[in-house]
Amino acid sequence: MDNSSRNQDKKSKADARHEAKEADSTAQNFVDFSEAEEDLVFRMHSLVGNRWELIAGRIPGRTAEEVEMFWYKKHQDK
Protein backbone atom coordinates (compact mmCIF):
# COMPACT_ATOMS: atom_id res chain seq x y z
CA MET A 1 0.00 0.00 0.00
CA ASP A 2 1.45 3.38 -0.96
CA ASN A 3 1.43 6.51 1.22
CA SER A 4 -1.53 8.14 -0.50
CA SER A 5 -3.66 5.04 0.09
CA ARG A 6 -2.65 4.95 3.76
CA ASN A 7 -3.43 8.64 4.20
CA GLN A 8 -6.83 8.24 2.57
CA ASP A 9 -7.55 5.20 4.77
CA LYS A 10 -6.63 7.22 7.88
CA LYS A 11 -8.88 10.07 6.74
CA SER A 12 -11.76 7.65 6.13
CA LYS A 13 -11.41 6.19 9.63
CA ALA A 14 -11.19 9.68 11.14
CA ASP A 15 -14.29 10.76 9.21
CA ALA A 16 -16.17 7.68 10.43
CA ARG A 17 -15.22 8.43 14.05
CA HIS A 18 -16.30 12.05 13.64
CA GLU A 19 -19.66 11.00 12.17
CA ALA A 20 -20.18 8.53 15.03
CA LYS A 21 -19.53 11.29 17.58
CA GLU A 22 -22.01 13.55 15.79
CA ALA A 23 -24.61 10.78 15.85
CA ASP A 24 -24.01 10.29 19.58
CA SER A 25 -24.43 14.00 20.29
CA THR A 26 -27.59 14.10 18.18
CA ALA A 27 -28.99 11.13 20.08
CA GLN A 28 -28.33 12.95 23.35
CA ASN A 29 -30.56 15.79 22.18
CA PHE A 30 -33.52 13.43 22.46
CA VAL A 31 -32.79 11.94 25.89
CA ASP A 32 -36.03 11.39 27.77
CA PHE A 33 -36.20 12.29 31.43
CA SER A 34 -38.61 10.56 33.77
CA GLU A 35 -41.27 12.65 35.47
CA ALA A 36 -39.32 12.48 38.74
CA GLU A 37 -36.09 13.61 37.01
CA GLU A 38 -37.92 16.43 35.27
CA ASP A 39 -39.42 17.60 38.56
CA LEU A 40 -36.03 17.48 40.25
CA VAL A 41 -34.39 19.48 37.46
CA PHE A 42 -37.04 22.20 37.72
CA ARG A 43 -36.84 22.36 41.52
CA MET A 44 -33.03 22.37 41.57
CA HIS A 45 -32.87 25.01 38.84
CA SER A 46 -35.12 27.29 40.89
CA LEU A 47 -32.68 26.91 43.79
CA VAL A 48 -29.25 26.98 42.10
CA GLY A 49 -29.86 28.37 38.61
CA ASN A 50 -27.77 27.17 35.66
CA ARG A 51 -25.35 25.10 37.73
CA TRP A 52 -25.77 22.03 35.56
CA GLU A 53 -22.97 20.01 37.21
CA LEU A 54 -24.62 20.45 40.60
CA ILE A 55 -28.05 19.50 39.28
CA ALA A 56 -26.70 16.48 37.38
CA GLY A 57 -24.94 15.33 40.55
CA ARG A 58 -28.39 14.79 42.08
CA ILE A 59 -29.63 12.64 39.20
CA PRO A 60 -27.82 9.28 38.93
CA GLY A 61 -26.64 8.51 35.41
CA ARG A 62 -27.20 12.02 34.03
CA THR A 63 -24.45 14.33 32.84
CA ALA A 64 -24.44 18.10 33.14
CA GLU A 65 -24.64 18.30 29.35
CA GLU A 66 -27.79 16.13 29.26
CA VAL A 67 -29.45 18.19 31.98
CA GLU A 68 -28.61 21.45 30.25
CA MET A 69 -29.87 20.20 26.88
CA PHE A 70 -33.05 18.92 28.52
CA TRP A 71 -33.60 22.30 30.21
CA TYR A 72 -33.17 24.32 27.04
CA LYS A 73 -35.27 21.95 24.93
CA LYS A 74 -38.10 22.21 27.46
CA HIS A 75 -37.93 26.00 27.45
CA GLN A 76 -37.48 26.24 23.69
CA ASP A 77 -41.07 25.07 23.15
CA LYS A 78 -42.56 27.86 25.26
C-alpha atoms as a PDB file:
ATOM      1  CA  MET A   1       0.000   0.000   0.000  1.00  0.00           C
ATOM      2  CA  ASP A   2       1.454   3.375  -0.956  1.00  0.00           C
ATOM      3  CA  ASN A   3       1.433   6.508   1.221  1.00  0.00           C
ATOM      4  CA  SER A   4      -1.534   8.143  -0.503  1.00  0.00           C
ATOM      5  CA  SER A   5      -3.665   5.041   0.086  1.00  0.00           C
ATOM      6  CA  ARG A   6      -2.652   4.954   3.760  1.00  0.00           C
ATOM      7  CA  ASN A   7      -3.431   8.640   4.205  1.00  0.00           C
ATOM      8  CA  GLN A   8      -6.830   8.242   2.571  1.00  0.00           C
ATOM      9  CA  ASP A   9      -7.549   5.196   4.766  1.00  0.00           C
ATOM     10  CA  LYS A  10      -6.633   7.217   7.881  1.00  0.00           C
ATOM     11  CA  LYS A  11      -8.885  10.066   6.742  1.00  0.00           C
ATOM     12  CA  SER A  12     -11.762   7.653   6.133  1.00  0.00           C
ATOM     13  CA  LYS A  13     -11.409   6.195   9.625  1.00  0.00           C
ATOM     14  CA  ALA A  14     -11.189   9.681  11.143  1.00  0.00           C
ATOM     15  CA  ASP A  15     -14.292  10.760   9.213  1.00  0.00           C
ATOM     16  CA  ALA A  16     -16.174   7.685  10.432  1.00  0.00           C
ATOM     17  CA  ARG A  17     -15.216   8.425  14.054  1.00  0.00           C
ATOM     18  CA  HIS A  18     -16.304  12.052  13.641  1.00  0.00           C
ATOM     19  CA  GLU A  19     -19.659  10.995  12.166  1.00  0.00           C
ATOM     20  CA  ALA A  20     -20.180   8.532  15.029  1.00  0.00           C
ATOM     21  CA  LYS A  21     -19.533  11.288  17.577  1.00  0.00           C
ATOM     22  CA  GLU A  22     -22.014  13.553  15.793  1.00  0.00           C
ATOM     23  CA  ALA A  23     -24.610  10.780  15.855  1.00  0.00           C
ATOM     24  CA  ASP A  24     -24.014  10.288  19.576  1.00  0.00           C
ATOM     25  CA  SER A  25     -24.434  13.998  20.291  1.00  0.00           C
ATOM     26  CA  THR A  26     -27.594  14.097  18.175  1.00  0.00           C
ATOM     27  CA  ALA A  27     -28.986  11.135  20.080  1.00  0.00           C
ATOM     28  CA  GLN A  28     -28.329  12.947  23.345  1.00  0.00           C
ATOM     29  CA  ASN A  29     -30.564  15.788  22.183  1.00  0.00           C
ATOM     30  CA  PHE A  30     -33.516  13.425  22.465  1.00  0.00           C
ATOM     31  CA  VAL A  31     -32.789  11.938  25.890  1.00  0.00           C
ATOM     32  CA  ASP A  32     -36.033  11.391  27.771  1.00  0.00           C
ATOM     33  CA  PHE A  33     -36.203  12.293  31.426  1.00  0.00           C
ATOM     34  CA  SER A  34     -38.608  10.565  33.773  1.00  0.00           C
ATOM     35  CA  GLU A  35     -41.275  12.653  35.467  1.00  0.00           C
ATOM     36  CA  ALA A  36     -39.321  12.481  38.741  1.00  0.00           C
ATOM     37  CA  GLU A  37     -36.094  13.608  37.014  1.00  0.00           C
ATOM     38  CA  GLU A  38     -37.922  16.431  35.271  1.00  0.00           C
ATOM     39  CA  ASP A  39     -39.424  17.599  38.564  1.00  0.00           C
ATOM     40  CA  LEU A  40     -36.031  17.482  40.255  1.00  0.00           C
ATOM     41  CA  VAL A  41     -34.386  19.479  37.458  1.00  0.00           C
ATOM     42  CA  PHE A  42     -37.038  22.197  37.716  1.00  0.00           C
ATOM     43  CA  ARG A  43     -36.837  22.360  41.520  1.00  0.00           C
ATOM     44  CA  MET A  44     -33.029  22.366  41.571  1.00  0.00           C
ATOM     45  CA  HIS A  45     -32.866  25.007  38.843  1.00  0.00           C
ATOM     46  CA  SER A  46     -35.118  27.293  40.892  1.00  0.00           C
ATOM     47  CA  LEU A  47     -32.676  26.914  43.794  1.00  0.00           C
ATOM     48  CA  VAL A  48     -29.255  26.979  42.101  1.00  0.00           C
ATOM     49  CA  GLY A  49     -29.862  28.369  38.605  1.00  0.00           C
ATOM     50  CA  ASN A  50     -27.766  27.167  35.660  1.00  0.00           C
ATOM     51  CA  ARG A  51     -25.349  25.102  37.734  1.00  0.00           C
ATOM     52  CA  TRP A  52     -25.773  22.028  35.564  1.00  0.00           C
ATOM     53  CA  GLU A  53     -22.969  20.013  37.214  1.00  0.00           C
ATOM     54  CA  LEU A  54     -24.615  20.453  40.602  1.00  0.00           C
ATOM     55  CA  ILE A  55     -28.046  19.501  39.281  1.00  0.00           C
ATOM     56  CA  ALA A  56     -26.696  16.475  37.384  1.00  0.00           C
ATOM     57  CA  GLY A  57     -24.945  15.328  40.555  1.00  0.00           C
ATOM     58  CA  ARG A  58     -28.394  14.788  42.080  1.00  0.00           C
ATOM     59  CA  ILE A  59     -29.626  12.636  39.202  1.00  0.00           C
ATOM     60  CA  PRO A  60     -27.823   9.285  38.926  1.00  0.00           C
ATOM     61  CA  GLY A  61     -26.643   8.505  35.408  1.00  0.00           C
ATOM     62  CA  ARG A  62     -27.196  12.019  34.028  1.00  0.00           C
ATOM     63  CA  THR A  63     -24.453  14.335  32.836  1.00  0.00           C
ATOM     64  CA  ALA A  64     -24.443  18.100  33.144  1.00  0.00           C
ATOM     65  CA  GLU A  65     -24.640  18.300  29.349  1.00  0.00           C
ATOM     66  CA  GLU A  66     -27.786  16.126  29.263  1.00  0.00           C
ATOM     67  CA  VAL A  67     -29.451  18.188  31.982  1.00  0.00           C
ATOM     68  CA  GLU A  68     -28.611  21.452  30.250  1.00  0.00           C
ATOM     69  CA  MET A  69     -29.866  20.200  26.876  1.00  0.00           C
ATOM     70  CA  PHE A  70     -33.054  18.921  28.521  1.00  0.00           C
ATOM     71  CA  TRP A  71     -33.602  22.298  30.211  1.00  0.00           C
ATOM     72  CA  TYR A  72     -33.175  24.324  27.043  1.00  0.00           C
ATOM     73  CA  LYS A  73     -35.274  21.947  24.931  1.00  0.00           C
ATOM     74  CA  LYS A  74     -38.101  22.209  27.461  1.00  0.00           C
ATOM     75  CA  HIS A  75     -37.934  26.005  27.450  1.00  0.00           C
ATOM     76  CA  GLN A  76     -37.477  26.242  23.691  1.00  0.00           C
ATOM     77  CA  ASP A  77     -41.066  25.065  23.150  1.00  0.00           C
ATOM     78  CA  LYS A  78     -42.556  27.862  25.263  1.00  0.00           C
END
